[in-house]
Amino acid sequence: MKTMQRYFRVDRKNIAFLKFILEAYDGMAVMRTLGPHEGVVELMIAPDFERDVNEILDNLRGEFEVQPIDPPADIKEL
């Protein structure tokens, strides 16, 4: 299955919360932390769920900052 990768910066104290929220929607997206000290995370979004993930992120932005960023240069493929 081909996924879409998107990258974000969040306050590191919110990383676990964001992961729990996304994983509550089984099969929609998987999150991995790329830079725990910087709050850099990667979302691997399942096909056809980009709109749903965007809605979740938009709602969470009322709680804390979720800033889209460019892919980090030193990323390793899974």
Protein backbone atom coordinates (compact mmCIF):
# COMPACT_ATOMS: atom_id res chain seq x y z
CA MET A 1 0.00 0.00 0.00
CA LYS A 2 1.40 3.39 -1.00
CA THR A 3 1.16 6.02 1.73
CA MET A 4 1.55 9.78 1.69
CA GLN A 5 4.24 11.17 3.97
CA ARG A 6 3.77 14.54 5.66
CA TYR A 7 5.99 16.20 8.24
CA PHE A 8 5.13 18.44 11.16
CA ARG A 9 6.66 20.19 14.12
CA VAL A 10 4.76 20.01 17.40
CA ASP A 11 5.69 20.84 20.97
CA ARG A 12 7.45 17.73 22.21
CA LYS A 13 5.08 17.46 25.18
CA ASN A 14 2.23 16.87 22.67
CA ILE A 15 3.89 14.11 20.61
CA ALA A 16 2.35 11.20 22.53
CA PHE A 17 -1.09 12.83 22.57
CA LEU A 18 -1.01 13.36 18.80
CA LYS A 19 0.08 9.75 18.27
CA PHE A 20 -2.74 8.41 20.46
CA ILE A 21 -5.35 10.50 18.64
CA LEU A 22 -4.20 9.40 15.19
CA GLU A 23 -3.93 5.75 16.16
CA ALA A 24 -7.47 5.83 17.58
CA TYR A 25 -8.60 6.00 13.94
CA ASP A 26 -7.43 2.51 13.02
CA GLY A 27 -5.76 2.26 9.63
CA MET A 28 -5.89 5.99 8.83
CA ALA A 29 -2.32 7.04 9.59
CA VAL A 30 0.83 5.98 11.38
CA MET A 31 3.06 8.49 13.11
CA ARG A 32 6.74 8.23 13.91
CA THR A 33 8.90 10.69 15.76
CA LEU A 34 11.95 11.79 13.79
CA GLY A 35 13.31 14.40 16.17
CA PRO A 36 11.96 14.06 19.70
CA HIS A 37 13.84 17.08 21.03
CA GLU A 38 12.75 19.27 18.11
CA GLY A 39 9.20 17.85 17.98
CA VAL A 40 9.53 16.65 14.37
CA VAL A 41 7.08 13.91 13.39
CA GLU A 42 6.24 12.08 10.19
CA LEU A 43 2.70 11.02 9.33
CA MET A 44 2.30 8.14 6.91
CA ILE A 45 -1.27 8.56 5.68
CA ALA A 46 -3.22 5.72 4.10
CA PRO A 47 -4.67 6.29 0.63
CA ASP A 48 -7.99 8.16 0.61
CA PHE A 49 -7.57 9.44 4.20
CA GLU A 50 -5.71 12.71 3.59
CA ARG A 51 -8.87 14.80 4.01
CA ASP A 52 -9.75 13.04 7.27
CA VAL A 53 -6.25 13.53 8.67
CA ASN A 54 -6.35 17.21 7.69
CA GLU A 55 -9.64 17.62 9.58
CA ILE A 56 -8.18 15.99 12.68
CA LEU A 57 -5.09 18.20 12.53
CA ASP A 58 -7.21 21.32 12.00
CA ASN A 59 -9.24 20.46 15.11
CA LEU A 60 -6.10 19.80 17.14
CA ARG A 61 -4.65 23.17 16.16
CA GLY A 62 -7.18 24.67 18.56
CA GLU A 63 -5.40 22.77 21.35
CA PHE A 64 -1.73 23.13 20.33
CA GLU A 65 0.46 24.14 17.40
CA VAL A 66 0.83 21.65 14.54
CA GLN A 67 3.17 23.25 12.01
CA PRO A 68 3.72 21.63 8.59
CA ILE A 69 7.40 21.47 7.61
CA ASP A 70 9.46 20.29 4.65
CA PRO A 71 10.80 16.74 4.80
CA PRO A 72 13.99 16.61 6.85
CA ALA A 73 17.11 15.99 4.76
CA ASP A 74 18.34 13.08 6.86
CA ILE A 75 15.18 10.95 6.74
CA LYS A 76 15.47 7.17 6.57
CA GLU A 77 12.91 5.12 4.64
CA LEU A 78 11.06 2.37 6.50
